[in-house]
């Protein structure tokens, strides 16, 4: 039998849980304590607008569904789509239910895995997409998450999801590179362009020293 008493301690992130455990044989109770994170910080908006609408707030820590991962965010990617959402440019296709936590790219560590998730475990380093990554934790569908290679740090991994997947879809799926095809990449030094250049080269294309034009 467990009897729990929760107390506020230290700061907004931690609560002390005192657990009175009925030992076996059932002759006495013993007191055991541990710390449990019950809130988190998140950058949210309560209305569309400029950067002044971004607010750092304390919110309840997320729970997850059976097909999700709870991830402790180490780094979050920042993309043009984020300010477009904040400004309301996407409200026709992605209407907001305020308040919303900003961000969609992340890199971090798995804290908890839903019961249907078999490919990840607590402590795994992962990156990918989730709704609301400008926060200490995010709930990510396992289908939008991948393991971070050992040679990659959190900061680099967090910059990959949106720009990297966009570049991959353009080069591999939209352009569908074929023998004899020349690919001219405008803005090859930007986020999508830099990944597109590397993907094109990896697929066997050759290019000039500026990495802007590739011939398969």
C-alpha atoms as a PDB file:
ATOM      1  CA  UNK A   1       0.000   0.000   0.000  1.00  0.00           C
ATOM      2  CA  UNK A   2       1.259   3.490  -0.844  1.00  0.00           C
ATOM      3  CA  UNK A   3       0.227   6.758   0.767  1.00  0.00           C
ATOM      4  CA  UNK A   4       1.661   9.808  -1.000  1.00  0.00           C
ATOM      5  CA  UNK A   5       2.061  13.341   0.236  1.00  0.00           C
ATOM      6  CA  UNK A   6       3.322  15.917  -2.262  1.00  0.00           C
ATOM      7  CA  UNK A   7       5.170  19.027  -1.078  1.00  0.00           C
ATOM      8  CA  UNK A   8       6.610  21.985  -2.959  1.00  0.00           C
ATOM      9  CA  UNK A   9      10.407  22.149  -2.635  1.00  0.00           C
ATOM     10  CA  UNK A  10      13.421  23.926  -4.127  1.00  0.00           C
ATOM     11  CA  UNK A  11      11.901  25.552  -7.222  1.00  0.00           C
ATOM     12  CA  UNK A  12       9.009  25.390  -9.624  1.00  0.00           C
ATOM     13  CA  UNK A  13      10.242  22.199 -11.286  1.00  0.00           C
ATOM     14  CA  UNK A  14      10.412  19.846  -8.347  1.00  0.00           C
ATOM     15  CA  UNK A  15       7.937  18.460  -5.866  1.00  0.00           C
ATOM     16  CA  UNK A  16       8.862  16.143  -3.040  1.00  0.00           C
ATOM     17  CA  UNK A  17       6.860  12.936  -2.892  1.00  0.00           C
ATOM     18  CA  UNK A  18       6.864  11.236   0.488  1.00  0.00           C
ATOM     19  CA  UNK A  19       5.742   7.633   0.111  1.00  0.00           C
ATOM     20  CA  UNK A  20       4.710   5.638   3.154  1.00  0.00           C
ATOM     21  CA  UNK A  21       5.194   1.989   2.223  1.00  0.00           C
ATOM     22  CA  UNK A  22       3.508  -0.791   4.150  1.00  0.00           C
ATOM     23  CA  UNK A  23       6.316  -3.290   4.506  1.00  0.00           C
ATOM     24  CA  UNK A  24       6.010  -7.085   4.489  1.00  0.00           C
ATOM     25  CA  UNK A  25       5.113  -8.521   6.885  1.00  0.00           C
ATOM     26  CA  UNK A  26       2.548  -5.767   7.374  1.00  0.00           C
ATOM     27  CA  UNK A  27       3.766  -4.558  10.729  1.00  0.00           C
ATOM     28  CA  UNK A  28       4.995  -1.024  10.076  1.00  0.00           C
ATOM     29  CA  UNK A  29       5.299   1.777   7.571  1.00  0.00           C
ATOM     30  CA  UNK A  30       8.601   3.104   6.223  1.00  0.00           C
ATOM     31  CA  UNK A  31       9.036   6.580   4.755  1.00  0.00           C
ATOM     32  CA  UNK A  32      10.688   6.945   1.374  1.00  0.00           C
ATOM     33  CA  UNK A  33      11.103  10.222  -0.495  1.00  0.00           C
ATOM     34  CA  UNK A  34      11.970  11.092  -4.083  1.00  0.00           C
ATOM     35  CA  UNK A  35      11.726  14.141  -6.316  1.00  0.00           C
ATOM     36  CA  UNK A  36       9.238  14.328  -9.164  1.00  0.00           C
ATOM     37  CA  UNK A  37       9.081  17.009 -11.862  1.00  0.00           C
ATOM     38  CA  UNK A  38       5.506  18.180 -12.140  1.00  0.00           C
ATOM     39  CA  UNK A  39       5.903  21.404 -14.146  1.00  0.00           C
ATOM     40  CA  UNK A  40       8.091  22.676 -16.945  1.00  0.00           C
ATOM     41  CA  UNK A  41       8.988  25.925 -18.650  1.00  0.00           C
ATOM     42  CA  UNK A  42       7.721  26.647 -22.152  1.00  0.00           C
ATOM     43  CA  UNK A  43       7.726  29.553 -24.592  1.00  0.00           C
ATOM     44  CA  UNK A  44       4.098  30.185 -25.542  1.00  0.00           C
ATOM     45  CA  UNK A  45       1.938  32.717 -27.334  1.00  0.00           C
ATOM     46  CA  UNK A  46      -1.611  33.704 -26.395  1.00  0.00           C
ATOM     47  CA  UNK A  47      -2.314  35.631 -29.609  1.00  0.00           C
ATOM     48  CA  UNK A  48      -0.832  36.219 -33.035  1.00  0.00           C
ATOM     49  CA  UNK A  49       1.771  38.951 -33.303  1.00  0.00           C
ATOM     50  CA  UNK A  50       5.433  39.877 -33.335  1.00  0.00           C
ATOM     51  CA  UNK A  51       8.220  38.534 -31.120  1.00  0.00           C
ATOM     52  CA  UNK A  52       6.843  40.408 -28.103  1.00  0.00           C
ATOM     53  CA  UNK A  53       4.012  37.851 -27.925  1.00  0.00           C
ATOM     54  CA  UNK A  54       6.484  35.120 -26.922  1.00  0.00           C
ATOM     55  CA  UNK A  55       6.160  34.433 -23.192  1.00  0.00           C
ATOM     56  CA  UNK A  56       8.291  32.147 -21.017  1.00  0.00           C
ATOM     57  CA  UNK A  57       5.785  30.443 -18.748  1.00  0.00           C
ATOM     58  CA  UNK A  58       5.521  27.652 -16.233  1.00  0.00           C
ATOM     59  CA  UNK A  59       3.076  24.967 -17.366  1.00  0.00           C
ATOM     60  CA  UNK A  60       2.144  21.432 -16.277  1.00  0.00           C
ATOM     61  CA  UNK A  61       4.512  18.767 -17.528  1.00  0.00           C
ATOM     62  CA  UNK A  62       3.130  16.806 -20.463  1.00  0.00           C
ATOM     63  CA  UNK A  63       1.641  13.342 -20.422  1.00  0.00           C
ATOM     64  CA  UNK A  64       1.926  11.042 -23.438  1.00  0.00           C
ATOM     65  CA  UNK A  65      -0.236   8.623 -25.377  1.00  0.00           C
ATOM     66  CA  UNK A  66       0.636   4.997 -26.095  1.00  0.00           C
ATOM     67  CA  UNK A  67       2.347   5.920 -29.391  1.00  0.00           C
ATOM     68  CA  UNK A  68       4.352   8.873 -28.137  1.00  0.00           C
ATOM     69  CA  UNK A  69       7.660   9.627 -26.451  1.00  0.00           C
ATOM     70  CA  UNK A  70       8.193  12.125 -23.673  1.00  0.00           C
ATOM     71  CA  UNK A  71      11.461  13.840 -24.557  1.00  0.00           C
ATOM     72  CA  UNK A  72      13.608  16.127 -22.441  1.00  0.00           C
ATOM     73  CA  UNK A  73      14.558  18.879 -24.890  1.00  0.00           C
ATOM     74  CA  UNK A  74      18.268  19.663 -25.048  1.00  0.00           C
ATOM     75  CA  UNK A  75      18.134  21.877 -28.147  1.00  0.00           C
ATOM     76  CA  UNK A  76      15.265  23.194 -30.274  1.00  0.00           C
ATOM     77  CA  UNK A  77      15.539  24.176 -33.925  1.00  0.00           C
ATOM     78  CA  UNK A  78      14.273  27.597 -35.031  1.00  0.00           C
ATOM     79  CA  UNK A  79      12.813  27.863 -38.534  1.00  0.00           C
ATOM     80  CA  UNK A  80      10.996  30.461 -40.660  1.00  0.00           C
ATOM     81  CA  UNK A  81       7.779  28.452 -40.248  1.00  0.00           C
ATOM     82  CA  UNK A  82       7.854  29.303 -36.538  1.00  0.00           C
ATOM     83  CA  UNK A  83       7.527  33.060 -36.975  1.00  0.00           C
ATOM     84  CA  UNK A  84       5.008  32.552 -39.755  1.00  0.00           C
ATOM     85  CA  UNK A  85       2.842  30.570 -37.333  1.00  0.00           C
ATOM     86  CA  UNK A  86       3.383  33.201 -34.625  1.00  0.00           C
ATOM     87  CA  UNK A  87       2.387  36.024 -36.987  1.00  0.00           C
ATOM     88  CA  UNK A  88      -0.763  34.187 -38.078  1.00  0.00           C
ATOM     89  CA  UNK A  89       0.287  33.582 -41.678  1.00  0.00           C
ATOM     90  CA  UNK A  90      -0.597  29.884 -41.341  1.00  0.00           C
ATOM     91  CA  UNK A  91      -3.920  30.268 -39.530  1.00  0.00           C
ATOM     92  CA  UNK A  92      -5.983  29.228 -42.558  1.00  0.00           C
ATOM     93  CA  UNK A  93      -4.324  25.823 -42.682  1.00  0.00           C
ATOM     94  CA  UNK A  94      -3.164  25.536 -39.061  1.00  0.00           C
ATOM     95  CA  UNK A  95      -5.596  27.453 -36.842  1.00  0.00           C
ATOM     96  CA  UNK A  96      -4.250  27.984 -33.331  1.00  0.00           C
ATOM     97  CA  UNK A  97      -5.958  26.934 -30.127  1.00  0.00           C
ATOM     98  CA  UNK A  98      -4.337  29.457 -27.799  1.00  0.00           C
ATOM     99  CA  UNK A  99      -2.182  29.353 -25.840  1.00  0.00           C
ATOM    100  CA  UNK A 100       0.262  27.351 -27.940  1.00  0.00           C
ATOM    101  CA  UNK A 101       3.868  26.358 -27.307  1.00  0.00           C
ATOM    102  CA  UNK A 102       6.076  27.300 -30.237  1.00  0.00           C
ATOM    103  CA  UNK A 103       8.591  25.153 -32.123  1.00  0.00           C
ATOM    104  CA  UNK A 104       8.593  21.843 -33.969  1.00  0.00           C
ATOM    105  CA  UNK A 105      12.241  20.681 -34.297  1.00  0.00           C
ATOM    106  CA  UNK A 106      14.120  19.188 -31.366  1.00  0.00           C
ATOM    107  CA  UNK A 107      16.960  17.049 -30.098  1.00  0.00           C
ATOM    108  CA  UNK A 108      16.969  15.499 -26.658  1.00  0.00           C
ATOM    109  CA  UNK A 109      16.684  12.389 -24.524  1.00  0.00           C
ATOM    110  CA  UNK A 110      13.793   9.990 -24.059  1.00  0.00           C
ATOM    111  CA  UNK A 111      12.289  10.230 -20.583  1.00  0.00           C
ATOM    112  CA  UNK A 112       9.328   7.942 -21.112  1.00  0.00           C
ATOM    113  CA  UNK A 113       8.005   5.756 -23.936  1.00  0.00           C
ATOM    114  CA  UNK A 114       4.367   4.885 -24.577  1.00  0.00           C
ATOM    115  CA  UNK A 115       3.431   1.238 -24.222  1.00  0.00           C
ATOM    116  CA  UNK A 116       3.207   0.755 -27.998  1.00  0.00           C
ATOM    117  CA  UNK A 117       6.680   2.191 -28.601  1.00  0.00           C
ATOM    118  CA  UNK A 118       9.267  -0.595 -28.834  1.00  0.00           C
ATOM    119  CA  UNK A 119      12.132   1.003 -30.769  1.00  0.00           C
ATOM    120  CA  UNK A 120      13.096   3.603 -28.140  1.00  0.00           C
ATOM    121  CA  UNK A 121      13.843   3.446 -24.429  1.00  0.00           C
ATOM    122  CA  UNK A 122      14.487   5.874 -21.624  1.00  0.00           C
ATOM    123  CA  UNK A 123      17.837   7.618 -22.028  1.00  0.00           C
ATOM    124  CA  UNK A 124      18.040   7.264 -25.820  1.00  0.00           C
ATOM    125  CA  UNK A 125      19.325  10.334 -27.681  1.00  0.00           C
ATOM    126  CA  UNK A 126      16.751  11.281 -30.303  1.00  0.00           C
ATOM    127  CA  UNK A 127      15.755  14.066 -32.677  1.00  0.00           C
ATOM    128  CA  UNK A 128      12.770  14.830 -34.849  1.00  0.00           C
ATOM    129  CA  UNK A 129       9.431  16.629 -34.935  1.00  0.00           C
ATOM    130  CA  UNK A 130       6.971  17.449 -32.172  1.00  0.00           C
ATOM    131  CA  UNK A 131       4.436  20.163 -31.462  1.00  0.00           C
ATOM    132  CA  UNK A 132       5.781  22.674 -28.963  1.00  0.00           C
ATOM    133  CA  UNK A 133       9.546  22.164 -28.756  1.00  0.00           C
ATOM    134  CA  UNK A 134      10.360  25.573 -27.241  1.00  0.00           C
ATOM    135  CA  UNK A 135      10.024  23.876 -23.879  1.00  0.00           C
ATOM    136  CA  UNK A 136      11.833  21.662 -21.409  1.00  0.00           C
ATOM    137  CA  UNK A 137       9.781  18.640 -22.508  1.00  0.00           C
ATOM    138  CA  UNK A 138       7.827  17.647 -25.604  1.00  0.00           C
ATOM    139  CA  UNK A 139       5.489  14.785 -26.481  1.00  0.00           C
ATOM    140  CA  UNK A 140       6.615  13.409 -29.839  1.00  0.00           C
ATOM    141  CA  UNK A 141       4.962  10.727 -31.988  1.00  0.00           C
ATOM    142  CA  UNK A 142       7.435   7.861 -32.255  1.00  0.00           C
ATOM    143  CA  UNK A 143       6.919   7.895 -36.039  1.00  0.00           C
ATOM    144  CA  UNK A 144       8.507  11.373 -36.296  1.00  0.00           C
ATOM    145  CA  UNK A 145      11.572  10.566 -34.186  1.00  0.00           C
ATOM    146  CA  UNK A 146      14.956   9.027 -35.044  1.00  0.00           C
ATOM    147  CA  UNK A 147      18.035   8.079 -33.053  1.00  0.00           C
ATOM    148  CA  UNK A 148      20.903  10.568 -33.035  1.00  0.00           C
ATOM    149  CA  UNK A 149      24.143   9.071 -34.401  1.00  0.00           C
ATOM    150  CA  UNK A 150      26.941   8.890 -31.834  1.00  0.00           C
ATOM    151  CA  UNK A 151      29.018  11.370 -33.829  1.00  0.00           C
ATOM    152  CA  UNK A 152      26.315  14.055 -33.804  1.00  0.00           C
ATOM    153  CA  UNK A 153      25.727  16.506 -30.944  1.00  0.00           C
ATOM    154  CA  UNK A 154      22.327  17.786 -29.808  1.00  0.00           C
ATOM    155  CA  UNK A 155      22.757  21.239 -31.353  1.00  0.00           C
ATOM    156  CA  UNK A 156      23.477  19.907 -34.837  1.00  0.00           C
ATOM    157  CA  UNK A 157      20.729  17.298 -34.612  1.00  0.00           C
ATOM    158  CA  UNK A 158      18.147  19.930 -33.644  1.00  0.00           C
ATOM    159  CA  UNK A 159      18.912  21.860 -36.844  1.00  0.00           C
ATOM    160  CA  UNK A 160      18.170  18.864 -39.085  1.00  0.00           C
ATOM    161  CA  UNK A 161      14.451  17.957 -39.072  1.00  0.00           C
ATOM    162  CA  UNK A 162      12.676  20.723 -41.038  1.00  0.00           C
ATOM    163  CA  UNK A 163      15.521  21.882 -43.285  1.00  0.00           C
ATOM    164  CA  UNK A 164      16.950  18.401 -43.797  1.00  0.00           C
ATOM    165  CA  UNK A 165      13.671  16.656 -44.583  1.00  0.00           C
ATOM    166  CA  UNK A 166      12.648  19.488 -46.928  1.00  0.00           C
ATOM    167  CA  UNK A 167      15.915  19.142 -48.841  1.00  0.00           C
ATOM    168  CA  UNK A 168      15.621  15.354 -48.984  1.00  0.00           C
ATOM    169  CA  UNK A 169      12.054  15.471 -50.321  1.00  0.00           C
ATOM    170  CA  UNK A 170      12.993  18.025 -52.979  1.00  0.00           C
ATOM    171  CA  UNK A 171      16.129  16.265 -54.245  1.00  0.00           C
ATOM    172  CA  UNK A 172      15.016  12.654 -53.942  1.00  0.00           C
ATOM    173  CA  UNK A 173      11.238  12.782 -54.408  1.00  0.00           C
ATOM    174  CA  UNK A 174      10.312  15.953 -56.316  1.00  0.00           C
ATOM    175  CA  UNK A 175      13.330  16.335 -58.602  1.00  0.00           C
ATOM    176  CA  UNK A 176      13.834  12.546 -58.726  1.00  0.00           C
ATOM    177  CA  UNK A 177      17.437  12.783 -59.887  1.00  0.00           C
ATOM    178  CA  UNK A 178      18.267  10.709 -62.939  1.00  0.00           C
ATOM    179  CA  UNK A 179      21.372  10.098 -64.998  1.00  0.00           C
ATOM    180  CA  UNK A 180      22.316  13.183 -67.002  1.00  0.00           C
ATOM    181  CA  UNK A 181      20.197  15.559 -64.929  1.00  0.00           C
ATOM    182  CA  UNK A 182      21.676  18.890 -63.849  1.00  0.00           C
ATOM    183  CA  UNK A 183      20.457  20.373 -60.557  1.00  0.00           C
ATOM    184  CA  UNK A 184      20.933  24.067 -59.885  1.00  0.00           C
ATOM    185  CA  UNK A 185      20.520  24.913 -56.205  1.00  0.00           C
ATOM    186  CA  UNK A 186      19.817  28.568 -55.452  1.00  0.00           C
ATOM    187  CA  UNK A 187      20.845  29.755 -52.000  1.00  0.00           C
ATOM    188  CA  UNK A 188      23.071  26.756 -51.394  1.00  0.00           C
ATOM    189  CA  UNK A 189      24.511  28.332 -48.243  1.00  0.00           C
ATOM    190  CA  UNK A 190      21.126  28.450 -46.491  1.00  0.00           C
ATOM    191  CA  UNK A 191      19.511  25.798 -44.333  1.00  0.00           C
ATOM    192  CA  UNK A 192      17.652  23.821 -47.003  1.00  0.00           C
ATOM    193  CA  UNK A 193      20.250  24.633 -49.685  1.00  0.00           C
ATOM    194  CA  UNK A 194      23.202  23.395 -47.660  1.00  0.00           C
ATOM    195  CA  UNK A 195      21.478  20.089 -46.960  1.00  0.00           C
ATOM    196  CA  UNK A 196      20.298  19.794 -50.575  1.00  0.00           C
ATOM    197  CA  UNK A 197      23.877  20.198 -51.778  1.00  0.00           C
ATOM    198  CA  UNK A 198      25.115  17.435 -49.498  1.00  0.00           C
ATOM    199  CA  UNK A 199      22.213  15.112 -50.350  1.00  0.00           C
ATOM    200  CA  UNK A 200      22.723  15.639 -54.082  1.00  0.00           C
ATOM    201  CA  UNK A 201      26.417  14.840 -53.722  1.00  0.00           C
ATOM    202  CA  UNK A 202      25.639  11.793 -51.596  1.00  0.00           C
ATOM    203  CA  UNK A 203      23.291  10.528 -54.306  1.00  0.00           C
ATOM    204  CA  UNK A 204      26.138  10.561 -56.782  1.00  0.00           C
ATOM    205  CA  UNK A 205      25.864  14.008 -58.328  1.00  0.00           C
ATOM    206  CA  UNK A 206      28.989  16.035 -59.057  1.00  0.00           C
ATOM    207  CA  UNK A 207      29.200  19.787 -58.591  1.00  0.00           C
ATOM    208  CA  UNK A 208      31.407  22.839 -58.704  1.00  0.00           C
ATOM    209  CA  UNK A 209      33.467  24.013 -55.777  1.00  0.00           C
ATOM    210  CA  UNK A 210      30.658  26.317 -54.581  1.00  0.00           C
ATOM    211  CA  UNK A 211      28.292  23.369 -54.230  1.00  0.00           C
ATOM    212  CA  UNK A 212      25.543  25.045 -56.237  1.00  0.00           C
ATOM    213  CA  UNK A 213      25.285  23.002 -59.414  1.00  0.00           C
ATOM    214  CA  UNK A 214      25.285  19.210 -59.553  1.00  0.00           C
ATOM    215  CA  UNK A 215      25.290  16.844 -62.496  1.00  0.00           C
ATOM    216  CA  UNK A 216      24.320  13.227 -61.985  1.00  0.00           C
END
